[in-house]
PDB file of N, CA and C in Angstrom:
ATOM      1  N   MET A   1      91.210  96.667 121.285  1.00  0.00           N
ATOM      2  CA  MET A   1      90.275  96.106 122.275  1.00  0.00           C
ATOM      3  C   MET A   1      88.921  96.722 122.096  1.00  0.00           C
ATOM      4  N   THR A   2      87.996  95.916 121.971  1.00  0.00           N
ATOM      5  CA  THR A   2      86.561  96.413 121.693  1.00  0.00           C
ATOM      6  C   THR A   2      85.849  96.444 123.028  1.00  0.00           C
ATOM      7  N   SER A   3      84.860  97.368 123.068  1.00  0.00           N
ATOM      8  CA  SER A   3      84.078  97.569 124.298  1.00  0.00           C
ATOM      9  C   SER A   3      82.920  96.528 124.305  1.00  0.00           C
ATOM     10  N   GLU A   4      82.291  96.342 125.437  1.00  0.00           N
ATOM     11  CA  GLU A   4      81.204  95.489 125.530  1.00  0.00           C
ATOM     12  C   GLU A   4      80.027  95.922 124.667  1.00  0.00           C
ATOM     13  N   ALA A   5      79.791  97.224 124.621  1.00  0.00           N
ATOM     14  CA  ALA A   5      78.731  97.753 123.841  1.00  0.00           C
ATOM     15  C   ALA A   5      78.934  97.432 122.301  1.00  0.00           C
ATOM     16  N   TYR A   6      80.211  97.560 121.888  1.00  0.00           N
ATOM     17  CA  TYR A   6      80.535  97.238 120.510  1.00  0.00           C
ATOM     18  C   TYR A   6      80.242  95.792 120.185  1.00  0.00           C
ATOM     19  N   ARG A   7      80.620  94.895 121.072  1.00  0.00           N
ATOM     20  CA  ARG A   7      80.340  93.443 120.930  1.00  0.00           C
ATOM     21  C   ARG A   7      78.867  93.150 120.892  1.00  0.00           C
ATOM     22  N   LYS A   8      78.097  93.815 121.680  1.00  0.00           N
ATOM     23  CA  LYS A   8      76.641  93.670 121.724  1.00  0.00           C
ATOM     24  C   LYS A   8      76.040  94.108 120.377  1.00  0.00           C
ATOM     25  N   VAL A   9      76.409  95.232 119.947  1.00  0.00           N
ATOM     26  CA  VAL A   9      75.878  95.787 118.671  1.00  0.00           C
ATOM     27  C   VAL A   9      76.214  94.851 117.495  1.00  0.00           C
ATOM     28  N   LEU A  10      77.530  94.419 117.498  1.00  0.00           N
ATOM     29  CA  LEU A  10      77.981  93.532 116.470  1.00  0.00           C
ATOM     30  C   LEU A  10      77.106  92.224 116.442  1.00  0.00           C
ATOM     31  N   GLN A  11      76.849  91.716 117.626  1.00  0.00           N
ATOM     32  CA  GLN A  11      76.109  90.486 117.657  1.00  0.00           C
ATOM     33  C   GLN A  11      74.663  90.713 117.201  1.00  0.00           C
ATOM     34  N   MET A  12      74.124  91.889 117.618  1.00  0.00           N
ATOM     35  CA  MET A  12      72.776  92.230 117.132  1.00  0.00           C
ATOM     36  C   MET A  12      72.696  92.387 115.606  1.00  0.00           C
ATOM     37  N   ALA A  13      73.735  92.982 115.031  1.00  0.00           N
ATOM     38  CA  ALA A  13      73.853  93.215 113.611  1.00  0.00           C
ATOM     39  C   ALA A  13      73.888  91.906 112.931  1.00  0.00           C
ATOM     40  N   ARG A  14      74.669  90.918 113.441  1.00  0.00           N
ATOM     41  CA  ARG A  14      74.712  89.614 112.763  1.00  0.00           C
ATOM     42  C   ARG A  14      73.435  88.890 112.730  1.00  0.00           C
ATOM     43  N   GLU A  15      72.569  89.246 113.666  1.00  0.00           N
ATOM     44  CA  GLU A  15      71.242  88.534 113.729  1.00  0.00           C
ATOM     45  C   GLU A  15      70.190  89.144 112.740  1.00  0.00           C
ATOM     46  N   LEU A  16      70.578  90.346 112.186  1.00  0.00           N
ATOM     47  CA  LEU A  16      69.673  90.893 111.208  1.00  0.00           C
ATOM     48  C   LEU A  16      69.714  90.178 109.887  1.00  0.00           C
ATOM     49  N   PRO A  17      68.662  90.252 109.049  1.00  0.00           N
ATOM     50  CA  PRO A  17      68.718  89.679 107.749  1.00  0.00           C
ATOM     51  C   PRO A  17      69.758  90.362 106.899  1.00  0.00           C
ATOM     52  N   MET A  18      70.285  89.740 105.907  1.00  0.00           N
ATOM     53  CA  MET A  18      71.333  90.233 105.075  1.00  0.00           C
ATOM     54  C   MET A  18      71.039  91.658 104.556  1.00  0.00           C
ATOM     55  N   GLU A  19      69.824  91.818 104.101  1.00  0.00           N
ATOM     56  CA  GLU A  19      69.419  93.123 103.526  1.00  0.00           C
ATOM     57  C   GLU A  19      69.522  94.202 104.546  1.00  0.00           C
ATOM     58  N   GLU A  20      69.125  93.966 105.752  1.00  0.00           N
ATOM     59  CA  GLU A  20      69.186  94.937 106.840  1.00  0.00           C
ATOM     60  C   GLU A  20      70.662  95.198 107.250  1.00  0.00           C
ATOM     61  N   GLN A  21      71.493  94.174 107.200  1.00  0.00           N
ATOM     62  CA  GLN A  21      72.899  94.296 107.523  1.00  0.00           C
ATOM     63  C   GLN A  21      73.511  95.264 106.542  1.00  0.00           C
ATOM     64  N   LEU A  22      73.187  95.075 105.217  1.00  0.00           N
ATOM     65  CA  LEU A  22      73.754  95.940 104.195  1.00  0.00           C
ATOM     66  C   LEU A  22      73.233  97.385 104.397  1.00  0.00           C
ATOM     67  N   GLN A  23      71.996  97.542 104.738  1.00  0.00           N
ATOM     68  CA  GLN A  23      71.393  98.852 104.977  1.00  0.00           C
ATOM     69  C   GLN A  23      72.037  99.538 106.241  1.00  0.00           C
ATOM     70  N   LEU A  24      72.351  98.738 107.294  1.00  0.00           N
ATOM     71  CA  LEU A  24      73.083  99.285 108.415  1.00  0.00           C
ATOM     72  C   LEU A  24      74.467  99.770 108.053  1.00  0.00           C
ATOM     73  N   ILE A  25      75.162  98.941 107.268  1.00  0.00           N
ATOM     74  CA  ILE A  25      76.509  99.388 106.805  1.00  0.00           C
ATOM     75  C   ILE A  25      76.443 100.677 106.023  1.00  0.00           C
ATOM     76  N   GLU A  26      75.519 100.801 105.154  1.00  0.00           N
ATOM     77  CA  GLU A  26      75.345 102.073 104.384  1.00  0.00           C
ATOM     78  C   GLU A  26      75.077 103.225 105.321  1.00  0.00           C
ATOM     79  N   ASP A  27      74.154 102.970 106.195  1.00  0.00           N
ATOM     80  CA  ASP A  27      73.822 104.060 107.228  1.00  0.00           C
ATOM     81  C   ASP A  27      75.038 104.496 108.052  1.00  0.00           C
ATOM     82  N   LEU A  28      75.776 103.527 108.477  1.00  0.00           N
ATOM     83  CA  LEU A  28      76.953 103.817 109.347  1.00  0.00           C
ATOM     84  C   LEU A  28      78.033 104.612 108.502  1.00  0.00           C
ATOM     85  N   ILE A  29      78.287 104.139 107.252  1.00  0.00           N
ATOM     86  CA  ILE A  29      79.171 104.873 106.356  1.00  0.00           C
ATOM     87  C   ILE A  29      78.724 106.260 106.137  1.00  0.00           C
ATOM     88  N   SER A  30      77.474 106.439 105.797  1.00  0.00           N
ATOM     89  CA  SER A  30      76.911 107.768 105.589  1.00  0.00           C
ATOM     90  C   SER A  30      77.103 108.719 106.808  1.00  0.00           C
ATOM     91  N   GLY A  31      76.822 108.181 107.888  1.00  0.00           N
ATOM     92  CA  GLY A  31      76.997 108.940 109.208  1.00  0.00           C
ATOM     93  C   GLY A  31      78.438 109.377 109.362  1.00  0.00           C
ATOM     94  N   VAL A  32      79.347 108.448 109.152  1.00  0.00           N
ATOM     95  CA  VAL A  32      80.795 108.742 109.357  1.00  0.00           C
ATOM     96  C   VAL A  32      81.221 109.758 108.339  1.00  0.00           C
ATOM     97  N   ARG A  33      80.762 109.559 107.073  1.00  0.00           N
ATOM     98  CA  ARG A  33      81.183 110.580 106.018  1.00  0.00           C
ATOM     99  C   ARG A  33      80.686 111.990 106.403  1.00  0.00           C
ATOM    100  N   HIS A  34      79.511 112.063 106.934  1.00  0.00           N
ATOM    101  CA  HIS A  34      78.915 113.360 107.261  1.00  0.00           C
ATOM    102  C   HIS A  34      79.748 113.973 108.368  1.00  0.00           C
ATOM    103  N   ARG A  35      80.147 113.213 109.391  1.00  0.00           N
ATOM    104  CA  ARG A  35      80.979 113.749 110.446  1.00  0.00           C
ATOM    105  C   ARG A  35      82.373 114.155 109.954  1.00  0.00           C
ATOM    106  N   VAL A  36      82.985 113.410 109.008  1.00  0.00           N
ATOM    107  CA  VAL A  36      84.297 113.690 108.513  1.00  0.00           C
ATOM    108  C   VAL A  36      84.252 114.994 107.751  1.00  0.00           C
ATOM    109  N   LYS A  37      83.162 115.225 107.008  1.00  0.00           N
ATOM    110  CA  LYS A  37      83.076 116.470 106.240  1.00  0.00           C
ATOM    111  C   LYS A  37      82.879 117.683 107.118  1.00  0.00           C
ATOM    112  N   ALA A  38      82.480 117.478 108.372  1.00  0.00           N
ATOM    113  CA  ALA A  38      82.320 118.552 109.352  1.00  0.00           C
ATOM    114  C   ALA A  38      83.647 118.970 109.978  1.00  0.00           C
ATOM    115  N   ILE A  39      84.716 118.119 109.771  1.00  0.00           N
ATOM    116  CA  ILE A  39      85.997 118.394 110.413  1.00  0.00           C
ATOM    117  C   ILE A  39      86.695 119.463 109.542  1.00  0.00           C
ATOM    118  N   PRO A  40      87.091 120.591 110.071  1.00  0.00           N
ATOM    119  CA  PRO A  40      87.658 121.650 109.325  1.00  0.00           C
ATOM    120  C   PRO A  40      89.034 121.209 108.772  1.00  0.00           C
ATOM    121  N   LEU A  41      89.291 121.561 107.566  1.00  0.00           N
ATOM    122  CA  LEU A  41      90.546 121.188 106.924  1.00  0.00           C
ATOM    123  C   LEU A  41      91.552 122.306 107.262  1.00  0.00           C
ATOM    124  N   HIS A  42      92.791 121.960 107.251  1.00  0.00           N
ATOM    125  CA  HIS A  42      93.887 122.945 107.588  1.00  0.00           C
ATOM    126  C   HIS A  42      94.732 123.152 106.393  1.00  0.00           C
ATOM    127  N   ASP A  43      95.262 124.370 106.313  1.00  0.00           N
ATOM    128  CA  ASP A  43      96.235 124.646 105.304  1.00  0.00           C
ATOM    129  C   ASP A  43      97.681 124.293 105.837  1.00  0.00           C
ATOM    130  N   ILE A  44      98.471 123.678 105.030  1.00  0.00           N
ATOM    131  CA  ILE A  44      99.755 123.230 105.490  1.00  0.00           C
ATOM    132  C   ILE A  44     100.598 124.323 105.994  1.00  0.00           C
ATOM    133  N   MET A  45     100.343 125.564 105.532  1.00  0.00           N
ATOM    134  CA  MET A  45     101.167 126.667 105.974  1.00  0.00           C
ATOM    135  C   MET A  45     100.854 127.050 107.483  1.00  0.00           C
ATOM    136  N   GLU A  46      99.750 126.506 108.043  1.00  0.00           N
ATOM    137  CA  GLU A  46      99.417 126.722 109.465  1.00  0.00           C
ATOM    138  C   GLU A  46     100.527 126.085 110.362  1.00  0.00           C
ATOM    139  N   PHE A  47     101.241 125.134 109.794  1.00  0.00           N
ATOM    140  CA  PHE A  47     102.218 124.446 110.584  1.00  0.00           C
ATOM    141  C   PHE A  47     103.616 125.133 110.425  1.00  0.00           C
ATOM    142  N   ASN A  48     103.725 126.234 109.654  1.00  0.00           N
ATOM    143  CA  ASN A  48     104.982 126.893 109.530  1.00  0.00           C
ATOM    144  C   ASN A  48     105.514 127.346 110.778  1.00  0.00           C
ATOM    145  N   SER A  49     106.790 127.054 111.098  1.00  0.00           N
ATOM    146  CA  SER A  49     107.551 127.431 112.256  1.00  0.00           C
ATOM    147  C   SER A  49     107.150 126.669 113.532  1.00  0.00           C
ATOM    148  N   ILE A  50     106.315 125.671 113.402  1.00  0.00           N
ATOM    149  CA  ILE A  50     105.981 124.793 114.614  1.00  0.00           C
ATOM    150  C   ILE A  50     107.251 124.043 115.010  1.00  0.00           C
ATOM    151  N   ALA A  51     107.605 124.094 116.212  1.00  0.00           N
ATOM    152  CA  ALA A  51     108.756 123.389 116.829  1.00  0.00           C
ATOM    153  C   ALA A  51     110.018 123.803 116.178  1.00  0.00           C
ATOM    154  N   LYS A  52     110.133 125.063 115.630  1.00  0.00           N
ATOM    155  CA  LYS A  52     111.373 125.349 114.968  1.00  0.00           C
ATOM    156  C   LYS A  52     112.583 125.454 115.908  1.00  0.00           C
ATOM    157  N   GLU A  53     112.283 125.646 117.212  1.00  0.00           N
ATOM    158  CA  GLU A  53     113.378 125.645 118.240  1.00  0.00           C
ATOM    159  C   GLU A  53     114.040 124.317 118.300  1.00  0.00           C
ATOM    160  N   THR A  54     113.352 123.246 117.950  1.00  0.00           N
ATOM    161  CA  THR A  54     113.926 121.888 117.979  1.00  0.00           C
ATOM    162  C   THR A  54     115.114 121.851 117.004  1.00  0.00           C
ATOM    163  N   TRP A  55     115.115 122.594 115.984  1.00  0.00           N
ATOM    164  CA  TRP A  55     116.151 122.561 114.945  1.00  0.00           C
ATOM    165  C   TRP A  55     117.132 123.679 115.055  1.00  0.00           C
ATOM    166  N   GLU A  56     116.990 124.567 116.087  1.00  0.00           N
ATOM    167  CA  GLU A  56     117.907 125.694 116.119  1.00  0.00           C
ATOM    168  C   GLU A  56     119.382 125.477 116.111  1.00  0.00           C
ATOM    169  N   ASP A  57     119.789 124.411 116.880  1.00  0.00           N
ATOM    170  CA  ASP A  57     121.266 124.166 116.981  1.00  0.00           C
ATOM    171  C   ASP A  57     121.624 122.878 116.252  1.00  0.00           C
ATOM    172  N   VAL A  58     120.911 122.537 115.209  1.00  0.00           N
ATOM    173  CA  VAL A  58     121.149 121.329 114.450  1.00  0.00           C
ATOM    174  C   VAL A  58     121.850 121.705 113.174  1.00  0.00           C
ATOM    175  N   ASP A  59     122.925 121.065 112.858  1.00  0.00           N
ATOM    176  CA  ASP A  59     123.616 121.219 111.564  1.00  0.00           C
ATOM    177  C   ASP A  59     122.832 120.408 110.544  1.00  0.00           C
ATOM    178  N   VAL A  60     122.131 120.939 109.702  1.00  0.00           N
ATOM    179  CA  VAL A  60     121.175 120.223 108.813  1.00  0.00           C
ATOM    180  C   VAL A  60     122.016 119.236 107.947  1.00  0.00           C
ATOM    181  N   GLU A  61     123.072 119.677 107.337  1.00  0.00           N
ATOM    182  CA  GLU A  61     123.888 118.785 106.471  1.00  0.00           C
ATOM    183  C   GLU A  61     124.340 117.550 107.203  1.00  0.00           C
ATOM    184  N   LYS A  62     124.812 117.746 108.490  1.00  0.00           N
ATOM    185  CA  LYS A  62     125.308 116.624 109.261  1.00  0.00           C
ATOM    186  C   LYS A  62     124.147 115.733 109.601  1.00  0.00           C
ATOM    187  N   TYR A  63     122.975 116.269 109.995  1.00  0.00           N
ATOM    188  CA  TYR A  63     121.779 115.541 110.317  1.00  0.00           C
ATOM    189  C   TYR A  63     121.366 114.630 109.110  1.00  0.00           C
ATOM    190  N   ILE A  64     121.355 115.183 107.973  1.00  0.00           N
ATOM    191  CA  ILE A  64     120.979 114.467 106.717  1.00  0.00           C
ATOM    192  C   ILE A  64     121.996 113.327 106.437  1.00  0.00           C
ATOM    193  N   ASP A  65     123.325 113.691 106.552  1.00  0.00           N
ATOM    194  CA  ASP A  65     124.357 112.705 106.297  1.00  0.00           C
ATOM    195  C   ASP A  65     124.194 111.523 107.331  1.00  0.00           C
ATOM    196  N   ASP A  66     123.970 111.822 108.554  1.00  0.00           N
ATOM    197  CA  ASP A  66     123.795 110.857 109.639  1.00  0.00           C
ATOM    198  C   ASP A  66     122.603 109.934 109.335  1.00  0.00           C
ATOM    199  N   GLU A  67     121.512 110.540 108.923  1.00  0.00           N
ATOM    200  CA  GLU A  67     120.295 109.752 108.516  1.00  0.00           C
ATOM    201  C   GLU A  67     120.585 108.785 107.407  1.00  0.00           C
ATOM    202  N   ARG A  68     121.230 109.338 106.302  1.00  0.00           N
ATOM    203  CA  ARG A  68     121.509 108.546 105.193  1.00  0.00           C
ATOM    204  C   ARG A  68     122.502 107.381 105.533  1.00  0.00           C
ATOM    205  N   ASN A  69     123.459 107.686 106.374  1.00  0.00           N
ATOM    206  CA  ASN A  69     124.406 106.617 106.807  1.00  0.00           C
ATOM    207  C   ASN A  69     123.716 105.557 107.630  1.00  0.00           C
ATOM    208  N   SER A  70     122.679 105.960 108.351  1.00  0.00           N
ATOM    209  CA  SER A  70     121.974 104.970 109.223  1.00  0.00           C
ATOM    210  C   SER A  70     121.237 103.962 108.345  1.00  0.00           C
ATOM    211  N   TRP A  71     120.871 104.293 107.156  1.00  0.00           N
ATOM    212  CA  TRP A  71     120.163 103.404 106.258  1.00  0.00           C
ATOM    213  C   TRP A  71     121.047 102.171 105.849  1.00  0.00           C
ATOM    214  N   ASP A  72     122.339 102.414 105.775  1.00  0.00           N
ATOM    215  CA  ASP A  72     123.300 101.411 105.367  1.00  0.00           C
ATOM    216  C   ASP A  72     123.613 100.350 106.401  1.00  0.00           C
ATOM    217  N   ARG A  73     123.222 100.635 107.616  1.00  0.00           N
ATOM    218  CA  ARG A  73     123.558  99.683 108.727  1.00  0.00           C
ATOM    219  C   ARG A  73     122.608  98.472 108.763  1.00  0.00           C
TER     220      ARG A  73
END
């Protein structure tokens, strides 16, 4: 669901000449890329032991067998 502001901006963008629409797209992409680069990356090892209590009482072999059996249904 889009906001009213989004719809207004989209309509305004459609009214621009093609060259300015292309420039607007480039500027938007550039801005998004800049923000994405600012997001810190995480090492997969940071997630080590997260929710390990979820698996404490689970028989892993039985769980895997049950999952594989569910594929055949």
